[in-house]
PDB file of all heavy atoms in Angstrom:
ATOM      1  N   GLU A   1     -15.104  18.399   9.405  1.00  0.00           N
ATOM      2  CA  GLU A   1     -15.584  17.080   9.007  1.00  0.00           C
ATOM      3  C   GLU A   1     -15.432  16.121  10.179  1.00  0.00           C
ATOM      4  O   GLU A   1     -14.527  16.262  10.994  1.00  0.00           O
ATOM      5  CB  GLU A   1     -14.762  16.574   7.816  1.00  0.00           C
ATOM      6  CG  GLU A   1     -15.207  15.246   7.275  1.00  0.00           C
ATOM      7  CD  GLU A   1     -14.412  14.816   6.051  1.00  0.00           C
ATOM      8  OE1 GLU A   1     -13.267  15.272   5.865  1.00  0.00           O
ATOM      9  OE2 GLU A   1     -14.939  13.989   5.290  1.00  0.00           O
ATOM     10  N   VAL A   2     -16.334  15.141  10.252  1.00  0.00           N
ATOM     11  CA  VAL A   2     -16.252  14.089  11.260  1.00  0.00           C
ATOM     12  C   VAL A   2     -16.296  12.747  10.538  1.00  0.00           C
ATOM     13  O   VAL A   2     -17.154  12.525   9.682  1.00  0.00           O
ATOM     14  CB  VAL A   2     -17.408  14.164  12.276  1.00  0.00           C
ATOM     15  CG1 VAL A   2     -17.342  13.006  13.270  1.00  0.00           C
ATOM     16  CG2 VAL A   2     -17.388  15.500  13.018  1.00  0.00           C
ATOM     17  N   LYS A   3     -15.342  11.883  10.877  1.00  0.00           N
ATOM     18  CA  LYS A   3     -15.296  10.545  10.282  1.00  0.00           C
ATOM     19  C   LYS A   3     -15.299   9.510  11.396  1.00  0.00           C
ATOM     20  O   LYS A   3     -14.746   9.742  12.473  1.00  0.00           O
ATOM     21  CB  LYS A   3     -14.033  10.371   9.432  1.00  0.00           C
ATOM     22  CG  LYS A   3     -14.023  11.210   8.169  1.00  0.00           C
ATOM     23  CD  LYS A   3     -12.783  10.926   7.352  1.00  0.00           C
ATOM     24  CE  LYS A   3     -12.776  11.769   6.082  1.00  0.00           C
ATOM     25  NZ  LYS A   3     -11.557  11.524   5.294  1.00  0.00           N
ATOM     26  N   PHE A   4     -15.895   8.373  11.084  1.00  0.00           N
ATOM     27  CA  PHE A   4     -15.966   7.278  12.039  1.00  0.00           C
ATOM     28  C   PHE A   4     -15.156   6.105  11.520  1.00  0.00           C
ATOM     29  O   PHE A   4     -15.266   5.737  10.348  1.00  0.00           O
ATOM     30  CB  PHE A   4     -17.426   6.866  12.239  1.00  0.00           C
ATOM     31  CG  PHE A   4     -18.274   7.969  12.780  1.00  0.00           C
ATOM     32  CD1 PHE A   4     -18.924   8.829  11.911  1.00  0.00           C
ATOM     33  CD2 PHE A   4     -18.401   8.172  14.143  1.00  0.00           C
ATOM     34  CE1 PHE A   4     -19.709   9.870  12.402  1.00  0.00           C
ATOM     35  CE2 PHE A   4     -19.170   9.207  14.636  1.00  0.00           C
ATOM     36  CZ  PHE A   4     -19.834  10.060  13.760  1.00  0.00           C
ATOM     37  N   GLY A   5     -14.332   5.519  12.376  1.00  0.00           N
ATOM     38  CA  GLY A   5     -13.591   4.316  12.029  1.00  0.00           C
ATOM     39  C   GLY A   5     -12.250   4.564  11.378  1.00  0.00           C
ATOM     40  O   GLY A   5     -11.777   5.693  11.252  1.00  0.00           O
ATOM     41  N   LEU A   6     -11.656   3.428  10.955  1.00  0.00           N
ATOM     42  CA  LEU A   6     -10.318   3.420  10.355  1.00  0.00           C
ATOM     43  C   LEU A   6     -10.333   2.907   8.921  1.00  0.00           C
ATOM     44  O   LEU A   6      -9.285   2.787   8.306  1.00  0.00           O
ATOM     45  CB  LEU A   6      -9.382   2.503  11.169  1.00  0.00           C
ATOM     46  CG  LEU A   6      -9.114   2.871  12.608  1.00  0.00           C
ATOM     47  CD1 LEU A   6      -8.325   1.764  13.295  1.00  0.00           C
ATOM     48  CD2 LEU A   6      -8.357   4.174  12.673  1.00  0.00           C
ATOM     49  N   GLY A   7     -11.501   2.558   8.428  1.00  0.00           N
ATOM     50  CA  GLY A   7     -11.563   1.946   7.110  1.00  0.00           C
ATOM     51  C   GLY A   7     -11.287   0.456   7.170  1.00  0.00           C
ATOM     52  O   GLY A   7     -10.857  -0.151   6.190  1.00  0.00           O
ATOM     53  N   SER A   8     -11.533  -0.150   8.322  1.00  0.00           N
ATOM     54  CA  SER A   8     -11.322  -1.580   8.530  1.00  0.00           C
ATOM     55  C   SER A   8     -12.618  -2.180   9.066  1.00  0.00           C
ATOM     56  O   SER A   8     -13.029  -1.878  10.180  1.00  0.00           O
ATOM     57  CB  SER A   8     -10.198  -1.807   9.543  1.00  0.00           C
ATOM     58  OG  SER A   8     -10.192  -3.136  10.006  1.00  0.00           O
ATOM     59  N   ALA A   9     -13.250  -3.029   8.288  1.00  0.00           N
ATOM     60  CA  ALA A   9     -14.514  -3.634   8.710  1.00  0.00           C
ATOM     61  C   ALA A   9     -14.369  -4.368  10.034  1.00  0.00           C
ATOM     62  O   ALA A   9     -15.290  -4.368  10.854  1.00  0.00           O
ATOM     63  CB  ALA A   9     -15.031  -4.582   7.629  1.00  0.00           C
ATOM     64  N   GLU A  10     -13.226  -4.973  10.268  1.00  0.00           N
ATOM     65  CA  GLU A  10     -13.008  -5.722  11.501  1.00  0.00           C
ATOM     66  C   GLU A  10     -13.185  -4.842  12.736  1.00  0.00           C
ATOM     67  O   GLU A  10     -13.717  -5.286  13.759  1.00  0.00           O
ATOM     68  CB  GLU A  10     -11.611  -6.344  11.504  1.00  0.00           C
ATOM     69  CG  GLU A  10     -11.299  -7.118  12.768  1.00  0.00           C
ATOM     70  CD  GLU A  10      -9.919  -7.751  12.771  1.00  0.00           C
ATOM     71  OE1 GLU A  10      -9.159  -7.558  11.801  1.00  0.00           O
ATOM     72  OE2 GLU A  10      -9.606  -8.438  13.750  1.00  0.00           O
ATOM     73  N   PHE A  11     -12.742  -3.600  12.655  1.00  0.00           N
ATOM     74  CA  PHE A  11     -12.799  -2.713  13.816  1.00  0.00           C
ATOM     75  C   PHE A  11     -13.891  -1.657  13.714  1.00  0.00           C
ATOM     76  O   PHE A  11     -14.434  -1.232  14.732  1.00  0.00           O
ATOM     77  CB  PHE A  11     -11.437  -2.044  14.016  1.00  0.00           C
ATOM     78  CG  PHE A  11     -10.342  -3.016  14.308  1.00  0.00           C
ATOM     79  CD1 PHE A  11      -9.377  -3.299  13.367  1.00  0.00           C
ATOM     80  CD2 PHE A  11     -10.285  -3.672  15.527  1.00  0.00           C
ATOM     81  CE1 PHE A  11      -8.367  -4.208  13.630  1.00  0.00           C
ATOM     82  CE2 PHE A  11      -9.279  -4.587  15.805  1.00  0.00           C
ATOM     83  CZ  PHE A  11      -8.319  -4.853  14.849  1.00  0.00           C
ATOM     84  N   ASP A  12     -14.214  -1.234  12.523  1.00  0.00           N
ATOM     85  CA  ASP A  12     -15.165  -0.138  12.379  1.00  0.00           C
ATOM     86  C   ASP A  12     -16.569  -0.510  12.834  1.00  0.00           C
ATOM     87  O   ASP A  12     -17.323   0.347  13.280  1.00  0.00           O
ATOM     88  CB  ASP A  12     -15.184   0.373  10.938  1.00  0.00           C
ATOM     89  CG  ASP A  12     -13.886   1.074  10.564  1.00  0.00           C
ATOM     90  OD1 ASP A  12     -13.037   1.274  11.454  1.00  0.00           O
ATOM     91  OD2 ASP A  12     -13.720   1.409   9.384  1.00  0.00           O
ATOM     92  N   ASP A  13     -16.920  -1.780  12.766  1.00  0.00           N
ATOM     93  CA  ASP A  13     -18.226  -2.223  13.238  1.00  0.00           C
ATOM     94  C   ASP A  13     -18.350  -2.100  14.757  1.00  0.00           C
ATOM     95  O   ASP A  13     -19.443  -2.179  15.298  1.00  0.00           O
ATOM     96  CB  ASP A  13     -18.483  -3.673  12.821  1.00  0.00           C
ATOM     97  CG  ASP A  13     -18.687  -3.821  11.324  1.00  0.00           C
ATOM     98  OD1 ASP A  13     -18.907  -2.794  10.635  1.00  0.00           O
ATOM     99  OD2 ASP A  13     -18.622  -4.962  10.835  1.00  0.00           O
ATOM    100  N   GLU A  14     -17.225  -1.882  15.436  1.00  0.00           N
ATOM    101  CA  GLU A  14     -17.221  -1.783  16.895  1.00  0.00           C
ATOM    102  C   GLU A  14     -17.287  -0.334  17.383  1.00  0.00           C
ATOM    103  O   GLU A  14     -17.303  -0.087  18.585  1.00  0.00           O
ATOM    104  CB  GLU A  14     -15.970  -2.468  17.456  1.00  0.00           C
ATOM    105  CG  GLU A  14     -15.943  -3.957  17.137  1.00  0.00           C
ATOM    106  CD  GLU A  14     -14.665  -4.633  17.582  1.00  0.00           C
ATOM    107  OE1 GLU A  14     -13.693  -3.944  17.970  1.00  0.00           O
ATOM    108  OE2 GLU A  14     -14.632  -5.879  17.533  1.00  0.00           O
ATOM    109  N   GLY A  15     -17.277   0.636  16.476  1.00  0.00           N
ATOM    110  CA  GLY A  15     -17.400   2.040  16.859  1.00  0.00           C
ATOM    111  C   GLY A  15     -16.265   2.553  17.731  1.00  0.00           C
ATOM    112  O   GLY A  15     -16.487   3.234  18.722  1.00  0.00           O
ATOM    113  N   ARG A  16     -15.025   2.268  17.358  1.00  0.00           N
ATOM    114  CA  ARG A  16     -13.878   2.585  18.208  1.00  0.00           C
ATOM    115  C   ARG A  16     -13.206   3.927  17.960  1.00  0.00           C
ATOM    116  O   ARG A  16     -12.411   4.370  18.780  1.00  0.00           O
ATOM    117  CB  ARG A  16     -12.833   1.479  18.079  1.00  0.00           C
ATOM    118  CG  ARG A  16     -13.338   0.160  18.616  1.00  0.00           C
ATOM    119  CD  ARG A  16     -12.256  -0.874  18.687  1.00  0.00           C
ATOM    120  NE  ARG A  16     -12.735  -2.052  19.375  1.00  0.00           N
ATOM    121  CZ  ARG A  16     -12.768  -2.195  20.693  1.00  0.00           C
ATOM    122  NH1 ARG A  16     -12.327  -1.243  21.474  1.00  0.00           N
ATOM    123  NH2 ARG A  16     -13.222  -3.304  21.228  1.00  0.00           N
ATOM    124  N   VAL A  17     -13.481   4.588  16.835  1.00  0.00           N
ATOM    125  CA  VAL A  17     -12.753   5.815  16.513  1.00  0.00           C
ATOM    126  C   VAL A  17     -13.687   6.879  15.946  1.00  0.00           C
ATOM    127  O   VAL A  17     -14.482   6.602  15.051  1.00  0.00           O
ATOM    128  CB  VAL A  17     -11.633   5.562  15.478  1.00  0.00           C
ATOM    129  CG1 VAL A  17     -10.881   6.844  15.159  1.00  0.00           C
ATOM    130  CG2 VAL A  17     -10.668   4.509  15.955  1.00  0.00           C
ATOM    131  N   ILE A  18     -13.546   8.075  16.470  1.00  0.00           N
ATOM    132  CA  ILE A  18     -14.179   9.261  15.890  1.00  0.00           C
ATOM    133  C   ILE A  18     -13.060  10.258  15.629  1.00  0.00           C
ATOM    134  O   ILE A  18     -12.298  10.592  16.538  1.00  0.00           O
ATOM    135  CB  ILE A  18     -15.214   9.903  16.831  1.00  0.00           C
ATOM    136  CG1 ILE A  18     -16.304   8.909  17.203  1.00  0.00           C
ATOM    137  CG2 ILE A  18     -15.811  11.155  16.190  1.00  0.00           C
ATOM    138  CD1 ILE A  18     -17.237   9.421  18.300  1.00  0.00           C
ATOM    139  N   THR A  19     -12.960  10.728  14.399  1.00  0.00           N
ATOM    140  CA  THR A  19     -11.954  11.719  14.028  1.00  0.00           C
ATOM    141  C   THR A  19     -12.670  12.989  13.588  1.00  0.00           C
ATOM    142  O   THR A  19     -13.439  12.953  12.623  1.00  0.00           O
ATOM    143  CB  THR A  19     -11.058  11.210  12.888  1.00  0.00           C
ATOM    144  OG1 THR A  19     -10.425   9.982  13.306  1.00  0.00           O
ATOM    145  CG2 THR A  19      -9.990  12.227  12.526  1.00  0.00           C
ATOM    146  N   ALA A  20     -12.421  14.065  14.307  1.00  0.00           N
ATOM    147  CA  ALA A  20     -13.019  15.352  13.956  1.00  0.00           C
ATOM    148  C   ALA A  20     -11.914  16.286  13.475  1.00  0.00           C
ATOM    149  O   ALA A  20     -10.905  16.478  14.165  1.00  0.00           O
ATOM    150  CB  ALA A  20     -13.730  15.964  15.159  1.00  0.00           C
ATOM    151  N   GLU A  21     -12.115  16.836  12.296  1.00  0.00           N
ATOM    152  CA  GLU A  21     -11.145  17.785  11.757  1.00  0.00           C
ATOM    153  C   GLU A  21     -11.581  19.200  12.071  1.00  0.00           C
ATOM    154  O   GLU A  21     -12.711  19.602  11.780  1.00  0.00           O
ATOM    155  CB  GLU A  21     -11.005  17.624  10.241  1.00  0.00           C
ATOM    156  CG  GLU A  21      -9.978  18.570   9.658  1.00  0.00           C
ATOM    157  CD  GLU A  21      -9.785  18.424   8.158  1.00  0.00           C
ATOM    158  OE1 GLU A  21     -10.455  17.580   7.530  1.00  0.00           O
ATOM    159  OE2 GLU A  21      -8.949  19.162   7.617  1.00  0.00           O
ATOM    160  N   PHE A  22     -10.680  19.944  12.658  1.00  0.00           N
ATOM    161  CA  PHE A  22     -10.882  21.364  12.928  1.00  0.00           C
ATOM    162  C   PHE A  22      -9.872  22.147  12.102  1.00  0.00           C
ATOM    163  O   PHE A  22      -9.002  21.562  11.452  1.00  0.00           O
ATOM    164  CB  PHE A  22     -10.723  21.652  14.427  1.00  0.00           C
ATOM    165  CG  PHE A  22     -11.816  21.039  15.259  1.00  0.00           C
ATOM    166  CD1 PHE A  22     -11.697  19.747  15.744  1.00  0.00           C
ATOM    167  CD2 PHE A  22     -12.979  21.747  15.537  1.00  0.00           C
ATOM    168  CE1 PHE A  22     -12.706  19.171  16.506  1.00  0.00           C
ATOM    169  CE2 PHE A  22     -13.996  21.188  16.292  1.00  0.00           C
ATOM    170  CZ  PHE A  22     -13.860  19.886  16.772  1.00  0.00           C
ATOM    171  N   GLU A  23      -9.965  23.454  12.122  1.00  0.00           N
ATOM    172  CA  GLU A  23      -9.103  24.281  11.276  1.00  0.00           C
ATOM    173  C   GLU A  23      -7.616  23.998  11.497  1.00  0.00           C
ATOM    174  O   GLU A  23      -6.847  23.860  10.544  1.00  0.00           O
ATOM    175  CB  GLU A  23      -9.388  25.761  11.527  1.00  0.00           C
ATOM    176  CG  GLU A  23      -8.559  26.679  10.656  1.00  0.00           C
ATOM    177  CD  GLU A  23      -8.809  28.158  10.939  1.00  0.00           C
ATOM    178  OE1 GLU A  23      -9.764  28.491  11.661  1.00  0.00           O
ATOM    179  OE2 GLU A  23      -8.025  28.968  10.434  1.00  0.00           O
ATOM    180  N   LYS A  24      -7.207  23.893  12.758  1.00  0.00           N
ATOM    181  CA  LYS A  24      -5.774  23.793  13.038  1.00  0.00           C
ATOM    182  C   LYS A  24      -5.327  22.439  13.574  1.00  0.00           C
ATOM    183  O   LYS A  24      -4.146  22.248  13.855  1.00  0.00           O
ATOM    184  CB  LYS A  24      -5.375  24.886  14.024  1.00  0.00           C
ATOM    185  CG  LYS A  24      -5.553  26.273  13.444  1.00  0.00           C
ATOM    186  CD  LYS A  24      -5.077  27.331  14.405  1.00  0.00           C
ATOM    187  CE  LYS A  24      -5.258  28.713  13.772  1.00  0.00           C
ATOM    188  NZ  LYS A  24      -4.754  29.777  14.606  1.00  0.00           N
ATOM    189  N   PHE A  25      -6.247  21.489  13.737  1.00  0.00           N
ATOM    190  CA  PHE A  25      -5.877  20.194  14.309  1.00  0.00           C
ATOM    191  C   PHE A  25      -6.961  19.158  14.037  1.00  0.00           C
ATOM    192  O   PHE A  25      -8.080  19.491  13.655  1.00  0.00           O
ATOM    193  CB  PHE A  25      -5.633  20.293  15.811  1.00  0.00           C
ATOM    194  CG  PHE A  25      -6.856  20.718  16.594  1.00  0.00           C
ATOM    195  CD1 PHE A  25      -7.735  19.782  17.124  1.00  0.00           C
ATOM    196  CD2 PHE A  25      -7.131  22.069  16.795  1.00  0.00           C
ATOM    197  CE1 PHE A  25      -8.859  20.169  17.825  1.00  0.00           C
ATOM    198  CE2 PHE A  25      -8.250  22.467  17.510  1.00  0.00           C
ATOM    199  CZ  PHE A  25      -9.114  21.513  18.024  1.00  0.00           C
ATOM    200  N   PHE A  26      -6.600  17.897  14.282  1.00  0.00           N
ATOM    201  CA  PHE A  26      -7.547  16.794  14.303  1.00  0.00           C
ATOM    202  C   PHE A  26      -7.744  16.394  15.763  1.00  0.00           C
ATOM    203  O   PHE A  26      -6.771  16.321  16.518  1.00  0.00           O
ATOM    204  CB  PHE A  26      -7.015  15.578  13.546  1.00  0.00           C
ATOM    205  CG  PHE A  26      -6.966  15.746  12.057  1.00  0.00           C
ATOM    206  CD1 PHE A  26      -5.779  16.086  11.430  1.00  0.00           C
ATOM    207  CD2 PHE A  26      -8.103  15.547  11.287  1.00  0.00           C
ATOM    208  CE1 PHE A  26      -5.721  16.223  10.054  1.00  0.00           C
ATOM    209  CE2 PHE A  26      -8.052  15.689   9.904  1.00  0.00           C
ATOM    210  CZ  PHE A  26      -6.867  16.028   9.290  1.00  0.00           C
ATOM    211  N   LEU A  27      -8.969  16.094  16.132  1.00  0.00           N
ATOM    212  CA  LEU A  27      -9.273  15.549  17.449  1.00  0.00           C
ATOM    213  C   LEU A  27      -9.742  14.123  17.231  1.00  0.00           C
ATOM    214  O   LEU A  27     -10.723  13.883  16.519  1.00  0.00           O
ATOM    215  CB  LEU A  27     -10.347  16.371  18.154  1.00  0.00           C
ATOM    216  CG  LEU A  27     -10.786  15.866  19.523  1.00  0.00           C
ATOM    217  CD1 LEU A  27      -9.614  15.898  20.501  1.00  0.00           C
ATOM    218  CD2 LEU A  27     -11.935  16.705  20.050  1.00  0.00           C
ATOM    219  N   VAL A  28      -9.025  13.182  17.819  1.00  0.00           N
ATOM    220  CA  VAL A  28      -9.351  11.770  17.662  1.00  0.00           C
ATOM    221  C   VAL A  28      -9.748  11.224  19.025  1.00  0.00           C
ATOM    222  O   VAL A  28      -9.000  11.354  19.994  1.00  0.00           O
ATOM    223  CB  VAL A  28      -8.150  10.973  17.102  1.00  0.00           C
ATOM    224  CG1 VAL A  28      -8.496   9.490  16.973  1.00  0.00           C
ATOM    225  CG2 VAL A  28      -7.698  11.552  15.771  1.00  0.00           C
ATOM    226  N   ASN A  29     -10.926  10.618  19.072  1.00  0.00           N
ATOM    227  CA  ASN A  29     -11.396   9.981  20.293  1.00  0.00           C
ATOM    228  C   ASN A  29     -11.497   8.488  20.011  1.00  0.00           C
ATOM    229  O   ASN A  29     -12.056   8.088  18.989  1.00  0.00           O
ATOM    230  CB  ASN A  29     -12.763  10.544  20.689  1.00  0.00           C
ATOM    231  CG  ASN A  29     -13.166  10.133  22.081  1.00  0.00           C
ATOM    232  OD1 ASN A  29     -12.483   9.349  22.727  1.00  0.00           O
ATOM    233  ND2 ASN A  29     -14.279  10.652  22.532  1.00  0.00           N
ATOM    234  N   THR A  30     -10.945   7.675  20.913  1.00  0.00           N
ATOM    235  CA  THR A  30     -10.898   6.239  20.647  1.00  0.00           C
ATOM    236  C   THR A  30     -11.159   5.402  21.887  1.00  0.00           C
ATOM    237  O   THR A  30     -10.966   5.858  23.018  1.00  0.00           O
ATOM    238  CB  THR A  30      -9.523   5.845  20.058  1.00  0.00           C
ATOM    239  OG1 THR A  30      -9.587   4.498  19.613  1.00  0.00           O
ATOM    240  CG2 THR A  30      -8.412   5.995  21.071  1.00  0.00           C
ATOM    241  N   TYR A  31     -11.594   4.194  21.640  1.00  0.00           N
ATOM    242  CA  TYR A  31     -11.661   3.147  22.655  1.00  0.00           C
ATOM    243  C   TYR A  31     -10.844   1.987  22.092  1.00  0.00           C
ATOM    244  O   TYR A  31     -11.289   1.248  21.220  1.00  0.00           O
ATOM    245  CB  TYR A  31     -13.099   2.731  22.946  1.00  0.00           C
ATOM    246  CG  TYR A  31     -13.203   1.582  23.915  1.00  0.00           C
ATOM    247  CD1 TYR A  31     -12.482   1.596  25.114  1.00  0.00           C
ATOM    248  CD2 TYR A  31     -13.996   0.492  23.641  1.00  0.00           C
ATOM    249  CE1 TYR A  31     -12.562   0.548  26.005  1.00  0.00           C
ATOM    250  CE2 TYR A  31     -14.079  -0.570  24.532  1.00  0.00           C
ATOM    251  CZ  TYR A  31     -13.367  -0.533  25.710  1.00  0.00           C
ATOM    252  OH  TYR A  31     -13.436  -1.586  26.591  1.00  0.00           O
ATOM    253  N   VAL A  32      -9.615   1.863  22.549  1.00  0.00           N
ATOM    254  CA  VAL A  32      -8.665   0.886  22.033  1.00  0.00           C
ATOM    255  C   VAL A  32      -9.084  -0.530  22.436  1.00  0.00           C
ATOM    256  O   VAL A  32      -9.593  -0.751  23.537  1.00  0.00           O
ATOM    257  CB  VAL A  32      -7.240   1.208  22.550  1.00  0.00           C
ATOM    258  CG1 VAL A  32      -6.264   0.086  22.252  1.00  0.00           C
ATOM    259  CG2 VAL A  32      -6.748   2.513  21.939  1.00  0.00           C
ATOM    260  N   VAL A  33      -8.847  -1.472  21.548  1.00  0.00           N
ATOM    261  CA  VAL A  33      -9.137  -2.883  21.795  1.00  0.00           C
ATOM    262  C   VAL A  33      -8.446  -3.330  23.078  1.00  0.00           C
ATOM    263  O   VAL A  33      -7.261  -3.046  23.289  1.00  0.00           O
ATOM    264  CB  VAL A  33      -8.652  -3.743  20.598  1.00  0.00           C
ATOM    265  CG1 VAL A  33      -8.795  -5.227  20.897  1.00  0.00           C
ATOM    266  CG2 VAL A  33      -9.407  -3.356  19.339  1.00  0.00           C
ATOM    267  N   ASN A  34      -9.171  -4.040  23.925  1.00  0.00           N
ATOM    268  CA  ASN A  34      -8.634  -4.593  25.155  1.00  0.00           C
ATOM    269  C   ASN A  34      -8.112  -5.992  24.874  1.00  0.00           C
ATOM    270  O   ASN A  34      -8.754  -6.763  24.154  1.00  0.00           O
ATOM    271  CB  ASN A  34      -9.742  -4.626  26.217  1.00  0.00           C
ATOM    272  CG  ASN A  34      -9.231  -5.007  27.582  1.00  0.00           C
ATOM    273  OD1 ASN A  34      -8.669  -6.076  27.761  1.00  0.00           O
ATOM    274  ND2 ASN A  34      -9.440  -4.148  28.539  1.00  0.00           N
ATOM    275  N   ALA A  35      -6.975  -6.337  25.427  1.00  0.00           N
ATOM    276  CA  ALA A  35      -6.390  -7.666  25.210  1.00  0.00           C
ATOM    277  C   ALA A  35      -7.208  -8.772  25.857  1.00  0.00           C
ATOM    278  O   ALA A  35      -7.028  -9.941  25.538  1.00  0.00           O
ATOM    279  CB  ALA A  35      -4.951  -7.695  25.721  1.00  0.00           C
ATOM    280  N   GLY A  36      -8.094  -8.434  26.748  1.00  0.00           N
ATOM    281  CA  GLY A  36      -9.044  -9.383  27.313  1.00  0.00           C
ATOM    282  C   GLY A  36      -8.498 -10.284  28.403  1.00  0.00           C
ATOM    283  O   GLY A  36      -7.297 -10.401  28.609  1.00  0.00           O
ATOM    284  N   ALA A  37      -9.446 -10.927  29.084  1.00  0.00           N
ATOM    285  CA  ALA A  37      -9.102 -11.881  30.136  1.00  0.00           C
ATOM    286  C   ALA A  37      -8.281 -13.011  29.519  1.00  0.00           C
ATOM    287  O   ALA A  37      -8.630 -13.540  28.462  1.00  0.00           O
ATOM    288  CB  ALA A  37     -10.370 -12.431  30.784  1.00  0.00           C
ATOM    289  N   GLY A  38      -7.179 -13.339  30.159  1.00  0.00           N
ATOM    290  CA  GLY A  38      -6.304 -14.388  29.635  1.00  0.00           C
ATOM    291  C   GLY A  38      -5.623 -14.004  28.335  1.00  0.00           C
ATOM    292  O   GLY A  38      -5.097 -14.856  27.636  1.00  0.00           O
ATOM    293  N   LEU A  39      -5.654 -12.705  28.009  1.00  0.00           N
ATOM    294  CA  LEU A  39      -5.036 -12.150  26.797  1.00  0.00           C
ATOM    295  C   LEU A  39      -5.586 -12.788  25.520  1.00  0.00           C
ATOM    296  O   LEU A  39      -4.909 -12.856  24.498  1.00  0.00           O
ATOM    297  CB  LEU A  39      -3.508 -12.277  26.854  1.00  0.00           C
ATOM    298  CG  LEU A  39      -2.843 -11.675  28.090  1.00  0.00           C
ATOM    299  CD1 LEU A  39      -1.344 -11.919  28.057  1.00  0.00           C
ATOM    300  CD2 LEU A  39      -3.152 -10.193  28.205  1.00  0.00           C
ATOM    301  N   LYS A  40      -6.850 -13.198  25.572  1.00  0.00           N
ATOM    302  CA  LYS A  40      -7.444 -13.912  24.433  1.00  0.00           C
ATOM    303  C   LYS A  40      -7.579 -13.061  23.175  1.00  0.00           C
ATOM    304  O   LYS A  40      -7.668 -13.594  22.075  1.00  0.00           O
ATOM    305  CB  LYS A  40      -8.798 -14.504  24.818  1.00  0.00           C
ATOM    306  CG  LYS A  40      -9.853 -13.479  25.180  1.00  0.00           C
ATOM    307  CD  LYS A  40     -11.133 -14.121  25.634  1.00  0.00           C
ATOM    308  CE  LYS A  40     -12.097 -13.029  26.054  1.00  0.00           C
ATOM    309  NZ  LYS A  40     -13.232 -13.540  26.766  1.00  0.00           N
ATOM    310  N   THR A  41      -7.579 -11.733  23.310  1.00  0.00           N
ATOM    311  CA  THR A  41      -7.674 -10.876  22.121  1.00  0.00           C
ATOM    312  C   THR A  41      -6.417 -10.025  21.926  1.00  0.00           C
ATOM    313  O   THR A  41      -6.457  -8.997  21.268  1.00  0.00           O
ATOM    314  CB  THR A  41      -8.921  -9.965  22.186  1.00  0.00           C
ATOM    315  OG1 THR A  41      -8.898  -9.230  23.402  1.00  0.00           O
ATOM    316  CG2 THR A  41     -10.208 -10.778  22.094  1.00  0.00           C
TER     317      THR A  41
END
């Protein structure tokens, strides 16, 4: 199975997480939120 997101509208609209389930493990690929210039985020 492949799932997208975390179940959070705030972040899922940004396409930050793909979780793929395999027989013996989960593979998670992510682009973590950047704190931004001046740490604004």
